[in-house]
Amino acid sequence: MAVSTLAAESATTKVWSRLLLLGPAFVAAIAYVDPGNVAANLTAGANFGYLLVWVLVAANAMAVLIQYQSAKLGLATGMSLPEILGKRLGTGRRRAYWVQAEIVAGATDMAEVIGGAVALNLLFGLPLLTGGFIIGLASMLLLALQSNRSQKSFELAILTLLGVIAVGFVSGLFVAPPDAGGAIAGLVPRFEGTDTVLLAASMLGATVMPHAIYLHSALARDRHGFSEDPAVRTRLIRATRVDVAGALLLAGIVNIAMLLLAATSLRGVEGTDTIAGAHAAVTSALGPVIGVVFAIGLLASGLASTSVGCYAGATIMGGLLKVRIPLLMRRTLTLLPALLVLGAGIEPTLALVLSQVLLSFGIPFALIPLIRLTGSRKVMGIHADSKPLRIAGWTSATLIVGLNCVLIFLTVLGLQ
C-alpha cells in the first residue's frame, strides 16, 4: 500500500512539475488573437464566407512550428533571437535590421491599442482617443508586473485575459452554429480575386506574428534560465512542445471561431466591413448578451496584446541595439503613433487590416534567421532541428514569402 501511495504521489508531482513549466507560449499566443486578427478574420468571413478557413488552419500549423523553434532557441543557447543576431551582425546591418523590426513592432502595438479603444467605444461609448489613453495606462499596469520581475504574475494575468478572449469570440458559435459543410469546403486552398489574396496576407501577418518570433525565445529563456546540463535542457524543450501545442491550439480555435462567426452571422450584412459594424450585426443577430461578450473579448485582446507587443519591442531593442530602456518608458513612447491615428479619425478597422499586411512582410526577416540558427548544430548543439523539422521550416518560409510576392504583384497590377 505504501509503495502504491508513493508511486501515486510521485506521478502527481511529475504532473505538477510539468504544468509549472507551462506559460511562456501562452503569453506569445496572445499575439495570435490580437485586434488585428479580429479585423482580418471578421472581414474575411463577412465578405467571403468560409472561403479562407484554410488560410487560418495553415497559418496556425506554421505558427506551432515557428514558436516551438523560437522557444527552443532561447532554451538551447540562453540567448534571445535578437541577441544572437546582434552578436552576428555588423554595426550598420544591425541598426538597419533593428529599424525594420521596430517598424513591425510599432505596427503591432498600434493595431492593439486601436482595437482596445474600439472595444471601449462599443462598451461605454468612449471617444476613440480617450479609449486609446485608457488602454495605454492599463497596459502599463500589466507591464509593471513584468518590470518588477514577477514573471509568473505577468503570465497569470495574460492567461486570464486569454481565457476572456476565448469566451468572447467562441460563445457566439453556440448560439449560431456554423454550416459544417461550408466550413469543411473552406479547407480547400483557393482564392477568388485580388481582395482575397490581400486578406490572406493580412490573416497570415496577424497569425504568424514576427514580433512573437523574436519574443518567444526571450520568454522561454527568462522563465527557465539556461542550464549547462544537456539533460535539463532536453527536459525543458520537451515541456515546451506541450506548452506551444496547447497555447497555439487555443489561439487557433479562437481565430477560426471569429471567421466562422462572421461567415455564419454576418455574411452579406451591410456595414460589417468594420469592427463596430460587425459588433452591431452580431448584437442584432445573436442578442445583446453575445454582443457584450464579443466586445469584452475584444477589450481583453487589445489590453493583453499591447502589453505583450511592448515587451517584444523592448526585447528587440535590447538585443539588436544593446540599449535597454524601462518598459514603462517604452510604453509611453510607442503609444503616440496609435493616439495620432485615433486622433486623426482614420477608420480603425482599415488601419488594423493594413497593419497586419505590413506584419506579413516582416515575417521573413524574423523567420529565415530563426530557421538557419535552429538548424545549425554549431549554435544549437544536440538540440539542432532534425531534417524533417528543417524541411517543414523552410517550406513555411517559402509559402509565406511566395504569398507576399503574389500580393505585391496583384497590388501593383491593380494600381495600373
Protein backbone atom coordinates (compact mmCIF):
# COMPACT_ATOMS: atom_id res chain seq x y z
CA MET A 1 0.00 0.00 0.00
CA ALA A 2 2.83 2.39 0.96
CA VAL A 3 4.62 1.69 -2.31
CA SER A 4 1.49 2.41 -4.37
CA THR A 5 0.88 5.61 -2.41
CA LEU A 6 4.44 6.79 -3.03
CA ALA A 7 4.08 5.95 -6.72
CA ALA A 8 0.86 7.94 -6.92
CA GLU A 9 2.45 10.90 -5.14
CA SER A 10 5.44 10.71 -7.48
CA ALA A 11 3.17 10.70 -10.54
CA THR A 12 1.23 13.67 -9.17
CA THR A 13 4.47 15.53 -8.51
CA LYS A 14 5.62 14.90 -12.08
CA VAL A 15 2.31 16.21 -13.47
CA TRP A 16 2.52 19.38 -11.39
CA SER A 17 6.18 19.90 -12.23
CA ARG A 18 5.33 19.72 -15.92
CA LEU A 19 2.40 22.11 -15.52
CA LEU A 20 4.66 24.60 -13.73
CA LEU A 21 6.88 24.66 -16.82
CA LEU A 22 3.98 25.90 -18.94
CA GLY A 23 3.30 29.58 -19.50
CA PRO A 24 5.66 31.35 -21.94
CA ALA A 25 3.87 30.02 -25.05
CA PHE A 26 0.52 31.25 -23.73
CA VAL A 27 1.99 34.75 -23.45
CA ALA A 28 3.33 34.51 -27.00
CA ALA A 29 -0.07 33.16 -28.14
CA ILE A 30 -1.67 36.50 -27.26
CA ALA A 31 -0.04 37.81 -30.43
CA TYR A 32 -2.22 35.38 -32.38
CA VAL A 33 -5.55 36.66 -31.04
CA ASP A 34 -4.99 40.42 -31.09
CA PRO A 35 -7.34 43.06 -32.59
CA GLY A 36 -5.59 42.71 -35.95
CA ASN A 37 -6.74 39.10 -36.04
CA VAL A 38 -10.27 40.21 -35.18
CA ALA A 39 -10.35 42.74 -38.04
CA ALA A 40 -8.83 40.39 -40.62
CA ASN A 41 -10.89 37.33 -39.66
CA LEU A 42 -14.21 39.16 -39.41
CA THR A 43 -13.61 40.88 -42.75
CA ALA A 44 -12.74 37.56 -44.39
CA GLY A 45 -15.80 35.79 -43.01
CA ALA A 46 -18.25 38.60 -43.68
CA ASN A 47 -17.08 39.21 -47.25
CA PHE A 48 -16.16 35.72 -48.43
CA GLY A 49 -17.85 33.30 -46.05
CA TYR A 50 -15.89 30.12 -45.39
CA LEU A 51 -13.55 30.60 -48.37
CA LEU A 52 -10.40 31.41 -46.33
CA VAL A 53 -10.73 28.92 -43.47
CA TRP A 54 -7.78 27.06 -44.97
CA VAL A 55 -5.56 30.14 -44.54
CA LEU A 56 -6.11 30.13 -40.76
CA VAL A 57 -5.53 26.38 -40.47
CA ALA A 58 -2.29 26.57 -42.47
CA ALA A 59 -1.11 29.70 -40.65
CA ASN A 60 -1.76 28.14 -37.25
CA ALA A 61 0.12 24.96 -38.20
CA MET A 62 3.09 27.09 -39.26
CA ALA A 63 2.80 29.10 -36.05
CA VAL A 64 3.14 25.96 -33.90
CA LEU A 65 6.35 25.03 -35.68
CA ILE A 66 7.79 28.54 -35.61
CA GLN A 67 7.01 29.25 -31.95
CA TYR A 68 8.49 25.91 -30.91
CA GLN A 69 11.69 26.73 -32.79
CA SER A 70 11.87 30.19 -31.20
CA ALA A 71 11.40 28.85 -27.67
CA LYS A 72 13.91 26.06 -28.32
CA LEU A 73 16.49 28.61 -29.49
CA GLY A 74 16.21 30.51 -26.21
CA LEU A 75 16.45 27.37 -24.08
CA ALA A 76 19.32 25.79 -26.03
CA THR A 77 21.51 28.90 -26.26
CA GLY A 78 20.45 31.04 -23.30
CA MET A 79 20.00 33.98 -25.69
CA SER A 80 17.05 35.53 -27.49
CA LEU A 81 16.89 35.68 -31.29
CA PRO A 82 17.60 39.47 -31.31
CA GLU A 83 20.59 38.96 -29.02
CA ILE A 84 22.12 36.31 -31.29
CA LEU A 85 21.56 38.49 -34.36
CA GLY A 86 23.01 41.46 -32.51
CA LYS A 87 26.23 39.50 -31.94
CA ARG A 88 26.47 38.29 -35.52
CA LEU A 89 25.64 41.44 -37.50
CA GLY A 90 27.97 44.38 -38.08
CA THR A 91 27.00 47.78 -36.71
CA GLY A 92 25.37 49.10 -39.89
CA ARG A 93 23.45 45.90 -40.68
CA ARG A 94 22.42 45.54 -37.06
CA ARG A 95 20.92 49.03 -36.98
CA ALA A 96 19.17 48.55 -40.32
CA TYR A 97 17.77 45.25 -39.12
CA TRP A 98 16.56 46.93 -35.93
CA VAL A 99 14.73 49.60 -37.95
CA GLN A 100 12.62 47.05 -39.85
CA ALA A 101 11.97 45.02 -36.70
CA GLU A 102 10.97 48.16 -34.83
CA ILE A 103 8.57 49.17 -37.61
CA VAL A 104 6.93 45.74 -37.34
CA ALA A 105 6.69 46.02 -33.55
CA GLY A 106 5.28 49.54 -33.89
CA ALA A 107 2.62 48.40 -36.36
CA THR A 108 1.69 45.63 -33.96
CA ASP A 109 1.40 47.96 -31.00
CA MET A 110 -0.65 50.49 -32.94
CA ALA A 111 -3.15 47.84 -34.01
CA GLU A 112 -3.55 46.58 -30.47
CA VAL A 113 -4.18 49.99 -28.91
CA ILE A 114 -6.66 50.83 -31.65
CA GLY A 115 -8.51 47.54 -31.07
CA GLY A 116 -8.76 48.18 -27.35
CA ALA A 117 -10.02 51.72 -27.97
CA VAL A 118 -12.71 50.39 -30.32
CA ALA A 119 -13.80 47.93 -27.63
CA LEU A 120 -14.17 50.69 -25.03
CA ASN A 121 -16.18 52.69 -27.55
CA LEU A 122 -18.51 49.74 -28.13
CA LEU A 123 -18.93 49.01 -24.43
CA PHE A 124 -19.12 52.51 -22.95
CA GLY A 125 -19.37 54.94 -25.85
CA LEU A 126 -15.98 56.48 -25.05
CA PRO A 127 -14.28 58.52 -27.80
CA LEU A 128 -11.57 56.51 -29.54
CA LEU A 129 -8.79 58.85 -28.44
CA THR A 130 -9.87 58.62 -24.81
CA GLY A 131 -10.08 54.85 -25.11
CA GLY A 132 -6.53 54.75 -26.51
CA PHE A 133 -5.24 56.63 -23.46
CA ILE A 134 -7.03 54.23 -21.12
CA ILE A 135 -5.66 51.14 -22.90
CA GLY A 136 -2.18 52.63 -22.70
CA LEU A 137 -2.46 53.27 -18.96
CA ALA A 138 -3.94 49.82 -18.28
CA SER A 139 -1.15 48.12 -20.24
CA MET A 140 1.38 50.00 -18.10
CA LEU A 141 -0.07 48.30 -15.03
CA LEU A 142 0.36 44.89 -16.67
CA LEU A 143 3.92 45.71 -17.71
CA ALA A 144 4.68 46.79 -14.15
CA LEU A 145 4.24 43.14 -13.13
CA GLN A 146 6.99 42.09 -15.52
CA SER A 147 9.20 45.09 -14.70
CA ASN A 148 9.10 44.11 -11.04
CA ARG A 149 10.45 40.68 -12.06
CA SER A 150 7.15 38.99 -11.33
CA GLN A 151 7.29 36.85 -14.47
CA LYS A 152 4.77 34.31 -13.21
CA SER A 153 2.36 37.05 -12.12
CA PHE A 154 2.59 38.60 -15.59
CA GLU A 155 1.96 35.21 -17.19
CA LEU A 156 -1.05 34.60 -14.92
CA ALA A 157 -2.56 37.97 -15.82
CA ILE A 158 -2.08 37.30 -19.54
CA LEU A 159 -3.50 33.77 -19.21
CA THR A 160 -6.61 35.19 -17.54
CA LEU A 161 -7.09 37.67 -20.37
CA LEU A 162 -6.56 34.87 -22.90
CA GLY A 163 -9.41 32.94 -21.26
CA VAL A 164 -11.66 36.01 -21.53
CA ILE A 165 -10.73 36.38 -25.21
CA ALA A 166 -11.60 32.74 -25.89
CA VAL A 167 -15.02 33.05 -24.26
CA GLY A 168 -15.68 36.36 -26.01
CA PHE A 169 -15.18 35.03 -29.52
CA VAL A 170 -16.24 31.40 -29.23
CA SER A 171 -19.53 31.91 -27.35
CA GLY A 172 -21.38 33.20 -30.42
CA LEU A 173 -20.92 29.85 -32.20
CA PHE A 174 -23.06 28.11 -29.57
CA VAL A 175 -25.93 30.47 -30.37
CA ALA A 176 -25.48 30.30 -34.16
CA PRO A 177 -23.57 27.12 -35.14
CA PRO A 178 -21.74 27.30 -38.49
CA ASP A 179 -22.60 25.21 -41.52
CA ALA A 180 -20.38 22.14 -41.20
CA GLY A 181 -20.32 21.50 -44.95
CA GLY A 182 -19.33 25.08 -45.73
CA ALA A 183 -16.60 25.06 -43.11
CA ILE A 184 -15.15 21.80 -44.46
CA ALA A 185 -15.26 23.17 -48.02
CA GLY A 186 -13.28 26.15 -46.75
CA LEU A 187 -10.35 23.84 -46.04
CA VAL A 188 -9.67 23.57 -49.81
CA PRO A 189 -6.95 26.12 -50.73
CA ARG A 190 -8.16 28.68 -53.28
CA PHE A 191 -8.55 32.41 -53.92
CA GLU A 192 -11.22 34.48 -55.62
CA GLY A 193 -9.54 37.66 -56.82
CA THR A 194 -7.05 40.20 -55.50
CA ASP A 195 -9.11 41.07 -52.42
CA THR A 196 -8.91 37.51 -51.11
CA VAL A 197 -5.12 37.48 -51.58
CA LEU A 198 -4.87 40.77 -49.66
CA LEU A 199 -6.99 39.35 -46.86
CA ALA A 200 -4.99 36.11 -46.81
CA ALA A 201 -1.77 38.09 -46.38
CA SER A 202 -3.43 40.12 -43.63
CA MET A 203 -4.61 36.95 -41.87
CA LEU A 204 -1.15 35.42 -42.24
CA GLY A 205 0.53 38.52 -40.85
CA ALA A 206 -1.94 38.56 -37.97
CA THR A 207 -1.34 34.88 -37.19
CA VAL A 208 2.38 34.28 -37.78
CA MET A 209 3.41 37.45 -35.95
CA PRO A 210 7.07 38.49 -36.44
CA HIS A 211 7.32 40.19 -33.06
CA ALA A 212 6.21 36.94 -31.40
CA ILE A 213 9.03 35.11 -33.20
CA TYR A 214 11.54 37.49 -31.64
CA LEU A 215 9.82 37.43 -28.25
CA HIS A 216 9.28 33.74 -27.51
CA SER A 217 13.00 32.97 -27.40
CA ALA A 218 13.32 35.57 -24.63
CA LEU A 219 10.17 34.44 -22.80
CA ALA A 220 11.37 30.83 -22.57
CA ARG A 221 14.87 31.87 -21.53
CA ASP A 222 13.65 34.39 -18.94
CA ARG A 223 11.21 31.88 -17.44
CA HIS A 224 13.51 28.86 -17.23
CA GLY A 225 17.02 30.29 -17.47
CA PHE A 226 19.90 28.50 -19.16
CA SER A 227 21.26 25.19 -17.91
CA GLU A 228 24.69 23.82 -18.74
CA ASP A 229 23.25 20.31 -18.32
CA PRO A 230 22.04 18.96 -21.70
CA ALA A 231 19.58 16.63 -19.93
CA VAL A 232 17.88 19.57 -18.20
CA ARG A 233 17.69 21.49 -21.47
CA THR A 234 16.19 18.45 -23.19
CA ARG A 235 13.53 18.15 -20.48
CA LEU A 236 12.63 21.82 -20.80
CA ILE A 237 12.45 21.63 -24.58
CA ARG A 238 10.11 18.63 -24.37
CA ALA A 239 7.87 20.50 -21.94
CA THR A 240 7.93 23.46 -24.34
CA ARG A 241 6.38 21.29 -27.06
CA VAL A 242 3.34 20.78 -24.84
CA ASP A 243 3.28 24.47 -23.91
CA VAL A 244 3.37 25.58 -27.57
CA ALA A 245 0.88 22.98 -28.80
CA GLY A 246 -1.66 23.84 -26.10
CA ALA A 247 -1.30 27.61 -26.46
CA LEU A 248 -1.45 27.67 -30.25
CA LEU A 249 -4.34 25.18 -30.35
CA LEU A 250 -6.35 27.56 -28.19
CA ALA A 251 -5.34 30.56 -30.31
CA GLY A 252 -6.20 28.66 -33.49
CA ILE A 253 -9.66 27.75 -32.18
CA VAL A 254 -10.34 31.39 -31.32
CA ASN A 255 -9.18 32.60 -34.75
CA ILE A 256 -11.25 30.07 -36.64
CA ALA A 257 -14.23 30.85 -34.38
CA MET A 258 -14.03 34.52 -35.39
CA LEU A 259 -14.13 33.68 -39.09
CA LEU A 260 -16.91 31.09 -38.67
CA LEU A 261 -18.97 33.53 -36.61
CA ALA A 262 -18.65 36.17 -39.33
CA ALA A 263 -19.38 33.68 -42.12
CA THR A 264 -22.46 32.40 -40.27
CA SER A 265 -23.99 35.59 -38.88
CA LEU A 266 -22.50 38.48 -40.89
CA ARG A 267 -22.34 37.17 -44.48
CA GLY A 268 -23.98 39.69 -46.80
CA VAL A 269 -24.96 42.05 -43.97
CA GLU A 270 -24.25 45.70 -44.76
CA GLY A 271 -21.78 47.58 -42.60
CA THR A 272 -19.79 44.56 -41.46
CA ASP A 273 -16.61 45.85 -43.09
CA THR A 274 -15.78 47.49 -39.76
CA ILE A 275 -15.47 46.04 -36.25
CA ALA A 276 -18.15 48.43 -34.99
CA GLY A 277 -20.48 47.33 -37.80
CA ALA A 278 -19.71 43.68 -37.13
CA HIS A 279 -20.45 44.17 -33.44
CA ALA A 280 -23.80 45.80 -34.28
CA ALA A 281 -24.66 42.94 -36.63
CA VAL A 282 -23.65 40.30 -34.04
CA THR A 283 -25.79 42.06 -31.43
CA SER A 284 -28.73 42.23 -33.82
CA ALA A 285 -28.43 38.61 -34.95
CA LEU A 286 -27.45 36.88 -31.70
CA GLY A 287 -28.69 39.23 -28.98
CA PRO A 288 -27.20 41.92 -26.71
CA VAL A 289 -25.56 39.43 -24.33
CA ILE A 290 -23.43 37.93 -27.09
CA GLY A 291 -22.71 41.46 -28.32
CA VAL A 292 -21.38 42.49 -24.91
CA VAL A 293 -19.34 39.30 -24.54
CA PHE A 294 -17.89 39.92 -28.02
CA ALA A 295 -16.85 43.47 -27.06
CA ILE A 296 -15.33 42.27 -23.77
CA GLY A 297 -13.30 39.71 -25.70
CA LEU A 298 -12.05 42.48 -28.00
CA LEU A 299 -11.14 44.63 -24.99
CA ALA A 300 -9.18 41.79 -23.36
CA SER A 301 -7.47 41.17 -26.70
CA GLY A 302 -6.32 44.77 -27.03
CA LEU A 303 -5.18 45.07 -23.44
CA ALA A 304 -3.21 41.81 -23.34
CA SER A 305 -1.68 42.08 -26.79
CA THR A 306 -0.47 45.65 -26.41
CA SER A 307 1.37 44.65 -23.21
CA VAL A 308 2.98 41.67 -24.93
CA GLY A 309 3.79 43.77 -28.00
CA CYS A 310 5.59 46.38 -25.90
CA TYR A 311 7.54 43.58 -24.18
CA ALA A 312 8.55 42.28 -27.61
CA GLY A 313 9.71 45.71 -28.73
CA ALA A 314 11.92 46.04 -25.67
CA THR A 315 13.39 42.59 -26.38
CA ILE A 316 14.17 43.61 -29.97
CA MET A 317 15.81 46.88 -28.94
CA GLY A 318 17.83 45.28 -26.16
CA GLY A 319 19.14 42.52 -28.39
CA LEU A 320 19.92 44.47 -31.56
CA LEU A 321 20.89 47.90 -30.24
CA LYS A 322 22.18 46.65 -26.89
CA VAL A 323 20.21 49.51 -25.36
CA ARG A 324 17.64 48.92 -22.68
CA ILE A 325 15.05 51.45 -21.60
CA PRO A 326 12.41 50.85 -18.92
CA LEU A 327 9.35 49.07 -20.28
CA LEU A 328 7.04 51.76 -18.92
CA MET A 329 9.02 54.49 -20.70
CA ARG A 330 8.86 52.49 -23.92
CA ARG A 331 5.12 52.05 -23.44
CA THR A 332 4.72 55.82 -23.27
CA LEU A 333 6.73 56.38 -26.47
CA THR A 334 5.07 53.62 -28.51
CA LEU A 335 1.59 54.81 -27.51
CA LEU A 336 1.97 58.02 -29.52
CA PRO A 337 1.52 56.60 -33.09
CA ALA A 338 -1.71 54.85 -32.11
CA LEU A 339 -3.05 58.01 -30.48
CA LEU A 340 -2.17 60.02 -33.61
CA VAL A 341 -4.10 57.55 -35.81
CA LEU A 342 -7.09 57.66 -33.45
CA GLY A 343 -6.96 61.44 -33.21
CA ALA A 344 -6.75 61.81 -37.00
CA GLY A 345 -10.05 59.98 -37.42
CA ILE A 346 -8.70 57.20 -39.66
CA GLU A 347 -11.16 54.30 -39.88
CA PRO A 348 -9.90 51.86 -37.20
CA THR A 349 -10.70 48.60 -38.98
CA LEU A 350 -8.90 49.67 -42.17
CA ALA A 351 -5.86 50.67 -40.10
CA LEU A 352 -5.93 47.27 -38.39
CA VAL A 353 -6.13 45.25 -41.63
CA LEU A 354 -3.35 47.23 -43.33
CA SER A 355 -1.13 46.92 -40.26
CA GLN A 356 -1.45 43.15 -40.49
CA VAL A 357 -0.37 43.20 -44.15
CA LEU A 358 2.73 45.12 -43.04
CA LEU A 359 3.39 42.43 -40.44
CA SER A 360 3.23 39.77 -43.14
CA PHE A 361 6.12 41.47 -44.96
CA GLY A 362 8.15 41.46 -41.74
CA ILE A 363 7.83 37.72 -41.16
CA PRO A 364 10.72 36.55 -43.42
CA PHE A 365 13.19 38.85 -41.64
CA ALA A 366 12.48 37.05 -38.38
CA LEU A 367 11.69 33.59 -39.72
CA ILE A 368 14.62 32.94 -42.06
CA PRO A 369 17.33 33.69 -39.45
CA LEU A 370 15.41 31.59 -36.92
CA ILE A 371 15.33 28.54 -39.21
CA ARG A 372 19.01 28.91 -40.05
CA LEU A 373 20.01 29.19 -36.40
CA THR A 374 17.87 26.32 -35.07
CA GLY A 375 19.14 24.10 -37.88
CA SER A 376 22.78 24.79 -37.02
CA ARG A 377 24.50 22.21 -34.84
CA LYS A 378 27.20 24.79 -34.12
CA VAL A 379 24.59 27.05 -32.49
CA MET A 380 22.17 24.50 -31.04
CA GLY A 381 24.43 21.52 -30.33
CA ILE A 382 22.41 18.35 -29.76
CA HIS A 383 19.20 20.40 -29.91
CA ALA A 384 19.57 21.33 -33.59
CA ASP A 385 16.48 20.75 -35.75
CA SER A 386 16.05 17.34 -37.31
CA LYS A 387 15.94 17.10 -41.09
CA PRO A 388 12.09 16.84 -41.25
CA LEU A 389 11.80 19.90 -38.99
CA ARG A 390 14.21 21.87 -41.19
CA ILE A 391 12.22 20.91 -44.29
CA ALA A 392 8.97 21.98 -42.63
CA GLY A 393 10.53 25.28 -41.55
CA TRP A 394 11.87 26.15 -44.97
CA THR A 395 8.59 25.11 -46.59
CA SER A 396 6.72 27.51 -44.30
CA ALA A 397 9.12 30.33 -45.11
CA THR A 398 8.80 29.68 -48.85
CA LEU A 399 5.00 29.74 -48.71
CA ILE A 400 4.95 32.98 -46.70
CA VAL A 401 7.41 34.77 -48.98
CA GLY A 402 5.59 33.44 -52.04
CA LEU A 403 2.25 34.82 -50.83
CA ASN A 404 3.86 38.21 -50.21
CA CYS A 405 5.27 38.26 -53.75
CA VAL A 406 1.85 37.44 -55.20
CA LEU A 407 0.33 40.21 -53.09
CA ILE A 408 2.86 42.77 -54.38
CA PHE A 409 2.26 41.71 -58.00
CA LEU A 410 -1.53 41.89 -57.73
CA THR A 411 -1.44 45.19 -55.85
CA VAL A 412 0.85 46.82 -58.44
CA LEU A 413 -1.27 45.36 -61.24
CA GLY A 414 -4.39 46.76 -59.63
CA LEU A 415 -2.87 50.26 -59.45
CA GLN A 416 -2.06 50.37 -63.16
